[in-house]
PDB file of N, CA and C in Angstrom:
ATOM      1  N   UNK A   1       0.847  -1.253   0.197  1.00  0.00           N
ATOM      2  CA  UNK A   1       0.230   0.099   0.213  1.00  0.00           C
ATOM      3  C   UNK A   1       0.645   1.053  -0.260  1.00  0.00           C
ATOM      4  N   UNK A   2       0.727   2.078  -0.788  1.00  0.00           N
ATOM      5  CA  UNK A   2       1.109   3.727  -0.923  1.00  0.00           C
ATOM      6  C   UNK A   2       1.192   4.731   0.485  1.00  0.00           C
ATOM      7  N   UNK A   3       1.736   4.396   0.732  1.00  0.00           N
ATOM      8  CA  UNK A   3       2.322   5.801   2.360  1.00  0.00           C
ATOM      9  C   UNK A   3       1.733   6.705   1.949  1.00  0.00           C
ATOM     10  N   UNK A   4       0.572   7.503   3.075  1.00  0.00           N
ATOM     11  CA  UNK A   4       0.211   9.215   2.955  1.00  0.00           C
ATOM     12  C   UNK A   4       1.691   9.613   2.848  1.00  0.00           C
ATOM     13  N   UNK A   5       2.880   9.691   3.354  1.00  0.00           N
ATOM     14  CA  UNK A   5       3.618  10.362   3.303  1.00  0.00           C
ATOM     15  C   UNK A   5       4.755  10.431   2.090  1.00  0.00           C
ATOM     16  N   UNK A   6       4.654   9.400   1.648  1.00  0.00           N
ATOM     17  CA  UNK A   6       5.805   9.193   0.463  1.00  0.00           C
ATOM     18  C   UNK A   6       4.629   9.944  -0.307  1.00  0.00           C
ATOM     19  N   UNK A   7       3.307   9.706  -1.234  1.00  0.00           N
ATOM     20  CA  UNK A   7       2.518  10.362  -1.558  1.00  0.00           C
ATOM     21  C   UNK A   7       2.582  12.206  -1.322  1.00  0.00           C
ATOM     22  N   UNK A   8       2.272  12.400  -0.305  1.00  0.00           N
ATOM     23  CA  UNK A   8       2.991  13.749   0.007  1.00  0.00           C
ATOM     24  C   UNK A   8       3.534  14.531  -0.265  1.00  0.00           C
ATOM     25  N   UNK A   9       4.613  13.443  -0.233  1.00  0.00           N
ATOM     26  CA  UNK A   9       6.550  14.642  -0.537  1.00  0.00           C
ATOM     27  C   UNK A   9       6.551  14.606  -2.324  1.00  0.00           C
ATOM     28  N   UNK A  10       5.881  13.681  -3.027  1.00  0.00           N
ATOM     29  CA  UNK A  10       5.396  13.713  -4.602  1.00  0.00           C
ATOM     30  C   UNK A  10       4.512  15.101  -5.154  1.00  0.00           C
ATOM     31  N   UNK A  11       3.208  15.041  -3.621  1.00  0.00           N
ATOM     32  CA  UNK A  11       2.342  16.773  -4.191  1.00  0.00           C
ATOM     33  C   UNK A  11       3.167  17.939  -3.558  1.00  0.00           C
ATOM     34  N   UNK A  12       3.703  17.243  -2.754  1.00  0.00           N
ATOM     35  CA  UNK A  12       4.808  19.137  -2.234  1.00  0.00           C
ATOM     36  C   UNK A  12       6.011  19.349  -3.069  1.00  0.00           C
ATOM     37  N   UNK A  13       5.842  18.487  -3.395  1.00  0.00           N
ATOM     38  CA  UNK A  13       7.447  18.469  -4.746  1.00  0.00           C
ATOM     39  C   UNK A  13       6.863  19.177  -5.552  1.00  0.00           C
ATOM     40  N   UNK A  14       6.051  18.812  -5.970  1.00  0.00           N
ATOM     41  CA  UNK A  14       5.703  19.233  -7.270  1.00  0.00           C
ATOM     42  C   UNK A  14       4.751  20.090  -7.752  1.00  0.00           C
ATOM     43  N   UNK A  15       3.422  20.680  -5.877  1.00  0.00           N
ATOM     44  CA  UNK A  15       3.417  21.332  -6.169  1.00  0.00           C
ATOM     45  C   UNK A  15       3.875  23.233  -5.358  1.00  0.00           C
ATOM     46  N   UNK A  16       4.979  22.652  -4.957  1.00  0.00           N
ATOM     47  CA  UNK A  16       5.578  23.741  -4.044  1.00  0.00           C
ATOM     48  C   UNK A  16       4.967  23.780  -2.620  1.00  0.00           C
ATOM     49  N   UNK A  17       4.479  23.188  -2.242  1.00  0.00           N
ATOM     50  CA  UNK A  17       3.645  23.400  -1.319  1.00  0.00           C
ATOM     51  C   UNK A  17       4.143  22.467   0.306  1.00  0.00           C
ATOM     52  N   UNK A  18       3.840  22.813   1.456  1.00  0.00           N
ATOM     53  CA  UNK A  18       4.099  21.698   2.605  1.00  0.00           C
ATOM     54  C   UNK A  18       2.962  21.571   2.874  1.00  0.00           C
ATOM     55  N   UNK A  19       2.213  20.030   2.518  1.00  0.00           N
ATOM     56  CA  UNK A  19       1.178  19.941   2.610  1.00  0.00           C
ATOM     57  C   UNK A  19       1.513  18.549   4.082  1.00  0.00           C
ATOM     58  N   UNK A  20       0.402  18.523   4.682  1.00  0.00           N
ATOM     59  CA  UNK A  20       1.038  17.218   5.918  1.00  0.00           C
ATOM     60  C   UNK A  20      -0.862  16.792   5.658  1.00  0.00           C
ATOM     61  N   UNK A  21      -0.490  15.241   6.652  1.00  0.00           N
ATOM     62  CA  UNK A  21      -1.565  14.070   6.418  1.00  0.00           C
ATOM     63  C   UNK A  21      -3.150  15.368   7.007  1.00  0.00           C
ATOM     64  N   UNK A  22      -2.719  16.319   7.809  1.00  0.00           N
ATOM     65  CA  UNK A  22      -3.976  16.686   8.381  1.00  0.00           C
ATOM     66  C   UNK A  22      -4.967  17.844   7.065  1.00  0.00           C
ATOM     67  N   UNK A  23      -4.237  17.545   5.768  1.00  0.00           N
ATOM     68  CA  UNK A  23      -4.356  18.288   4.960  1.00  0.00           C
ATOM     69  C   UNK A  23      -5.428  17.346   3.749  1.00  0.00           C
ATOM     70  N   UNK A  24      -5.264  16.024   4.147  1.00  0.00           N
ATOM     71  CA  UNK A  24      -5.907  15.222   2.956  1.00  0.00           C
ATOM     72  C   UNK A  24      -6.932  14.962   2.627  1.00  0.00           C
ATOM     73  N   UNK A  25      -7.953  15.736   3.744  1.00  0.00           N
ATOM     74  CA  UNK A  25      -9.087  15.820   3.558  1.00  0.00           C
ATOM     75  C   UNK A  25      -9.797  17.447   3.565  1.00  0.00           C
ATOM     76  N   UNK A  26      -8.665  18.298   2.892  1.00  0.00           N
ATOM     77  CA  UNK A  26      -9.156  19.716   2.238  1.00  0.00           C
ATOM     78  C   UNK A  26      -9.702  19.298   1.146  1.00  0.00           C
ATOM     79  N   UNK A  27     -10.955  20.442   0.867  1.00  0.00           N
ATOM     80  CA  UNK A  27     -10.887  20.516  -0.690  1.00  0.00           C
ATOM     81  C   UNK A  27      -9.939  20.771  -1.686  1.00  0.00           C
ATOM     82  N   UNK A  28      -9.986  20.499  -2.186  1.00  0.00           N
ATOM     83  CA  UNK A  28      -8.725  20.407  -3.551  1.00  0.00           C
ATOM     84  C   UNK A  28      -8.637  22.364  -3.511  1.00  0.00           C
ATOM     85  N   UNK A  29     -10.211  22.926  -3.920  1.00  0.00           N
ATOM     86  CA  UNK A  29     -10.387  24.315  -4.400  1.00  0.00           C
ATOM     87  C   UNK A  29      -9.784  25.140  -3.082  1.00  0.00           C
ATOM     88  N   UNK A  30      -9.215  24.683  -1.940  1.00  0.00           N
ATOM     89  CA  UNK A  30      -8.543  25.300  -1.046  1.00  0.00           C
ATOM     90  C   UNK A  30      -7.042  25.554  -0.434  1.00  0.00           C
ATOM     91  N   UNK A  31      -6.721  24.505  -1.718  1.00  0.00           N
ATOM     92  CA  UNK A  31      -5.181  24.072  -1.254  1.00  0.00           C
ATOM     93  C   UNK A  31      -4.478  25.400  -2.342  1.00  0.00           C
ATOM     94  N   UNK A  32      -3.593  26.351  -1.661  1.00  0.00           N
ATOM     95  CA  UNK A  32      -2.878  27.268  -3.350  1.00  0.00           C
ATOM     96  C   UNK A  32      -2.783  26.009  -4.169  1.00  0.00           C
ATOM     97  N   UNK A  33      -3.443  27.801  -5.553  1.00  0.00           N
ATOM     98  CA  UNK A  33      -2.480  27.351  -6.598  1.00  0.00           C
ATOM     99  C   UNK A  33      -3.141  26.501  -6.928  1.00  0.00           C
ATOM    100  N   UNK A  34      -3.864  25.308  -6.358  1.00  0.00           N
ATOM    101  CA  UNK A  34      -5.079  24.220  -7.105  1.00  0.00           C
ATOM    102  C   UNK A  34      -5.623  24.677  -8.104  1.00  0.00           C
ATOM    103  N   UNK A  35      -5.620  24.058  -9.912  1.00  0.00           N
ATOM    104  CA  UNK A  35      -6.491  24.445 -10.332  1.00  0.00           C
ATOM    105  C   UNK A  35      -6.298  23.561 -11.865  1.00  0.00           C
ATOM    106  N   UNK A  36      -7.074  23.677 -12.500  1.00  0.00           N
ATOM    107  CA  UNK A  36      -6.860  22.518 -13.546  1.00  0.00           C
ATOM    108  C   UNK A  36      -5.347  22.161 -14.085  1.00  0.00           C
ATOM    109  N   UNK A  37      -4.965  23.418 -14.444  1.00  0.00           N
ATOM    110  CA  UNK A  37      -3.726  23.372 -15.325  1.00  0.00           C
ATOM    111  C   UNK A  37      -2.322  22.559 -13.921  1.00  0.00           C
ATOM    112  N   UNK A  38      -2.184  22.698 -13.110  1.00  0.00           N
ATOM    113  CA  UNK A  38      -1.934  22.175 -12.153  1.00  0.00           C
ATOM    114  C   UNK A  38      -2.195  20.594 -11.331  1.00  0.00           C
ATOM    115  N   UNK A  39      -3.217  20.600 -11.595  1.00  0.00           N
ATOM    116  CA  UNK A  39      -3.687  18.767 -11.320  1.00  0.00           C
ATOM    117  C   UNK A  39      -3.022  18.224 -12.338  1.00  0.00           C
ATOM    118  N   UNK A  40      -3.526  18.347 -13.481  1.00  0.00           N
ATOM    119  CA  UNK A  40      -3.091  17.695 -14.413  1.00  0.00           C
ATOM    120  C   UNK A  40      -1.338  17.176 -14.696  1.00  0.00           C
ATOM    121  N   UNK A  41      -0.801  18.441 -14.485  1.00  0.00           N
ATOM    122  CA  UNK A  41       0.404  18.062 -13.852  1.00  0.00           C
ATOM    123  C   UNK A  41       0.850  17.427 -13.259  1.00  0.00           C
ATOM    124  N   UNK A  42       0.505  17.465 -11.059  1.00  0.00           N
ATOM    125  CA  UNK A  42       0.221  16.249 -10.403  1.00  0.00           C
ATOM    126  C   UNK A  42       0.527  15.186 -11.314  1.00  0.00           C
ATOM    127  N   UNK A  43      -0.918  14.931 -11.893  1.00  0.00           N
ATOM    128  CA  UNK A  43      -1.317  13.723 -12.167  1.00  0.00           C
ATOM    129  C   UNK A  43      -0.093  12.954 -12.966  1.00  0.00           C
ATOM    130  N   UNK A  44       0.306  13.549 -14.060  1.00  0.00           N
ATOM    131  CA  UNK A  44       1.302  13.263 -14.768  1.00  0.00           C
ATOM    132  C   UNK A  44       2.747  12.820 -14.023  1.00  0.00           C
ATOM    133  N   UNK A  45       2.721  13.985 -13.003  1.00  0.00           N
ATOM    134  CA  UNK A  45       3.925  13.270 -12.107  1.00  0.00           C
ATOM    135  C   UNK A  45       4.052  12.647 -11.063  1.00  0.00           C
ATOM    136  N   UNK A  46       2.535  12.210 -11.061  1.00  0.00           N
ATOM    137  CA  UNK A  46       2.751  11.144 -10.068  1.00  0.00           C
ATOM    138  C   UNK A  46       2.581  10.022 -11.082  1.00  0.00           C
ATOM    139  N   UNK A  47       1.887  10.034 -11.709  1.00  0.00           N
ATOM    140  CA  UNK A  47       2.434   8.725 -12.880  1.00  0.00           C
ATOM    141  C   UNK A  47       3.780   8.390 -13.406  1.00  0.00           C
ATOM    142  N   UNK A  48       4.417   9.470 -13.820  1.00  0.00           N
ATOM    143  CA  UNK A  48       5.713   9.368 -13.567  1.00  0.00           C
ATOM    144  C   UNK A  48       6.844   9.063 -12.939  1.00  0.00           C
ATOM    145  N   UNK A  49       6.733   9.131 -11.173  1.00  0.00           N
ATOM    146  CA  UNK A  49       6.652   8.917 -10.163  1.00  0.00           C
ATOM    147  C   UNK A  49       6.390   6.975  -9.981  1.00  0.00           C
ATOM    148  N   UNK A  50       5.328   7.457 -10.019  1.00  0.00           N
ATOM    149  CA  UNK A  50       4.832   5.690  -9.177  1.00  0.00           C
ATOM    150  C   UNK A  50       5.024   4.563 -10.906  1.00  0.00           C
ATOM    151  N   UNK A  51       5.689   5.173 -11.923  1.00  0.00           N
ATOM    152  CA  UNK A  51       5.500   4.224 -13.015  1.00  0.00           C
ATOM    153  C   UNK A  51       3.614   3.570 -12.845  1.00  0.00           C
ATOM    154  N   UNK A  52       2.829   4.406 -13.009  1.00  0.00           N
ATOM    155  CA  UNK A  52       1.028   4.340 -13.126  1.00  0.00           C
ATOM    156  C   UNK A  52       0.790   5.276 -14.879  1.00  0.00           C
ATOM    157  N   UNK A  53      -0.659   3.985 -14.859  1.00  0.00           N
ATOM    158  CA  UNK A  53      -1.363   5.536 -15.647  1.00  0.00           C
ATOM    159  C   UNK A  53      -2.717   5.246 -14.556  1.00  0.00           C
ATOM    160  N   UNK A  54      -2.887   6.138 -14.351  1.00  0.00           N
ATOM    161  CA  UNK A  54      -4.066   7.089 -13.829  1.00  0.00           C
ATOM    162  C   UNK A  54      -4.717   7.546 -15.039  1.00  0.00           C
ATOM    163  N   UNK A  55      -6.154   7.203 -14.809  1.00  0.00           N
ATOM    164  CA  UNK A  55      -7.432   7.006 -15.447  1.00  0.00           C
ATOM    165  C   UNK A  55      -7.891   8.996 -15.214  1.00  0.00           C
ATOM    166  N   UNK A  56      -8.003   9.592 -16.457  1.00  0.00           N
ATOM    167  CA  UNK A  56      -7.906  11.197 -16.376  1.00  0.00           C
ATOM    168  C   UNK A  56      -9.703  11.643 -15.674  1.00  0.00           C
ATOM    169  N   UNK A  57     -10.569  10.664 -16.183  1.00  0.00           N
ATOM    170  CA  UNK A  57     -11.849  10.413 -15.454  1.00  0.00           C
ATOM    171  C   UNK A  57     -12.024  10.185 -13.924  1.00  0.00           C
ATOM    172  N   UNK A  58     -11.638   9.569 -13.347  1.00  0.00           N
ATOM    173  CA  UNK A  58     -11.700   8.906 -12.372  1.00  0.00           C
ATOM    174  C   UNK A  58     -10.613  10.593 -11.144  1.00  0.00           C
ATOM    175  N   UNK A  59      -9.502  11.064 -12.096  1.00  0.00           N
ATOM    176  CA  UNK A  59      -8.414  11.823 -11.264  1.00  0.00           C
ATOM    177  C   UNK A  59      -9.531  13.459 -11.162  1.00  0.00           C
ATOM    178  N   UNK A  60     -10.362  13.484 -12.128  1.00  0.00           N
ATOM    179  CA  UNK A  60     -11.153  14.923 -11.998  1.00  0.00           C
ATOM    180  C   UNK A  60     -11.791  14.996 -11.422  1.00  0.00           C
ATOM    181  N   UNK A  61     -12.653  13.610 -10.806  1.00  0.00           N
ATOM    182  CA  UNK A  61     -14.064  13.680  -9.938  1.00  0.00           C
ATOM    183  C   UNK A  61     -13.424  13.754  -8.569  1.00  0.00           C
ATOM    184  N   UNK A  62     -12.110  13.961  -8.137  1.00  0.00           N
ATOM    185  CA  UNK A  62     -11.977  13.690  -7.376  1.00  0.00           C
ATOM    186  C   UNK A  62     -12.178  14.966  -6.544  1.00  0.00           C
ATOM    187  N   UNK A  63     -12.625  15.428  -5.386  1.00  0.00           N
ATOM    188  CA  UNK A  63     -12.662  16.496  -4.077  1.00  0.00           C
ATOM    189  C   UNK A  63     -11.828  16.577  -3.227  1.00  0.00           C
ATOM    190  N   UNK A  64     -10.708  15.623  -3.091  1.00  0.00           N
ATOM    191  CA  UNK A  64      -9.999  16.080  -2.329  1.00  0.00           C
ATOM    192  C   UNK A  64      -8.577  14.902  -2.426  1.00  0.00           C
ATOM    193  N   UNK A  65      -7.132  15.365  -1.482  1.00  0.00           N
ATOM    194  CA  UNK A  65      -6.238  14.581  -1.845  1.00  0.00           C
ATOM    195  C   UNK A  65      -6.347  14.065  -1.311  1.00  0.00           C
ATOM    196  N   UNK A  66      -7.189  12.916  -0.460  1.00  0.00           N
ATOM    197  CA  UNK A  66      -7.526  11.836   0.413  1.00  0.00           C
ATOM    198  C   UNK A  66      -8.087  10.769  -0.840  1.00  0.00           C
ATOM    199  N   UNK A  67      -9.132  11.605  -1.823  1.00  0.00           N
ATOM    200  CA  UNK A  67      -9.518  10.574  -2.950  1.00  0.00           C
ATOM    201  C   UNK A  67      -8.748  10.701  -3.963  1.00  0.00           C
ATOM    202  N   UNK A  68      -6.922  11.167  -4.306  1.00  0.00           N
ATOM    203  CA  UNK A  68      -6.216  11.426  -4.991  1.00  0.00           C
ATOM    204  C   UNK A  68      -5.694   9.930  -4.965  1.00  0.00           C
ATOM    205  N   UNK A  69      -4.869   9.737  -3.167  1.00  0.00           N
ATOM    206  CA  UNK A  69      -4.212   9.138  -2.725  1.00  0.00           C
ATOM    207  C   UNK A  69      -5.217   7.838  -2.975  1.00  0.00           C
ATOM    208  N   UNK A  70      -6.260   7.794  -2.319  1.00  0.00           N
ATOM    209  CA  UNK A  70      -6.474   6.423  -2.657  1.00  0.00           C
ATOM    210  C   UNK A  70      -6.939   5.971  -3.990  1.00  0.00           C
ATOM    211  N   UNK A  71      -6.917   6.649  -5.041  1.00  0.00           N
ATOM    212  CA  UNK A  71      -7.108   6.209  -6.193  1.00  0.00           C
ATOM    213  C   UNK A  71      -5.406   6.028  -6.779  1.00  0.00           C
ATOM    214  N   UNK A  72      -5.019   7.015  -6.799  1.00  0.00           N
ATOM    215  CA  UNK A  72      -3.404   5.941  -6.823  1.00  0.00           C
ATOM    216  C   UNK A  72      -2.873   4.768  -6.390  1.00  0.00           C
ATOM    217  N   UNK A  73      -3.467   5.317  -4.809  1.00  0.00           N
ATOM    218  CA  UNK A  73      -2.773   3.706  -4.047  1.00  0.00           C
ATOM    219  C   UNK A  73      -3.724   2.609  -4.585  1.00  0.00           C
ATOM    220  N   UNK A  74      -4.844   2.683  -5.066  1.00  0.00           N
ATOM    221  CA  UNK A  74      -5.563   1.048  -6.139  1.00  0.00           C
ATOM    222  C   UNK A  74      -4.453   0.908  -6.816  1.00  0.00           C
ATOM    223  N   UNK A  75      -3.774   2.227  -7.986  1.00  0.00           N
ATOM    224  CA  UNK A  75      -3.396   1.634  -8.659  1.00  0.00           C
ATOM    225  C   UNK A  75      -1.346   1.504  -8.512  1.00  0.00           C
ATOM    226  N   UNK A  76      -1.142   1.586  -7.960  1.00  0.00           N
ATOM    227  CA  UNK A  76       0.500   1.522  -7.966  1.00  0.00           C
ATOM    228  C   UNK A  76       0.234   0.079  -6.823  1.00  0.00           C
ATOM    229  N   UNK A  77       1.520  -0.756  -7.460  1.00  0.00           N
ATOM    230  CA  UNK A  77       1.320  -2.057  -7.088  1.00  0.00           C
ATOM    231  C   UNK A  77       2.130  -2.373  -5.856  1.00  0.00           C
ATOM    232  N   UNK A  78       1.950  -3.284  -4.953  1.00  0.00           N
ATOM    233  CA  UNK A  78       2.324  -3.284  -4.052  1.00  0.00           C
ATOM    234  C   UNK A  78       3.471  -4.144  -3.507  1.00  0.00           C
TER     235      UNK A  78
END
């Protein structure tokens, strides 16, 4: 299973943020610099970082980082 801290490290690295596990349930629209362009960039970075392909339709349905974390975690091999 994908570790939350590893996931957040990748997100913080890409977004230039300092998010913690407390931020996983924050609505994405309340995260600084969150917009559709950065979302797609982050998705691409996560795909590269973990060697996976993320279904875009499922990714854009996410409303929190926890939902993105769960999606990525369901794809990353154990």
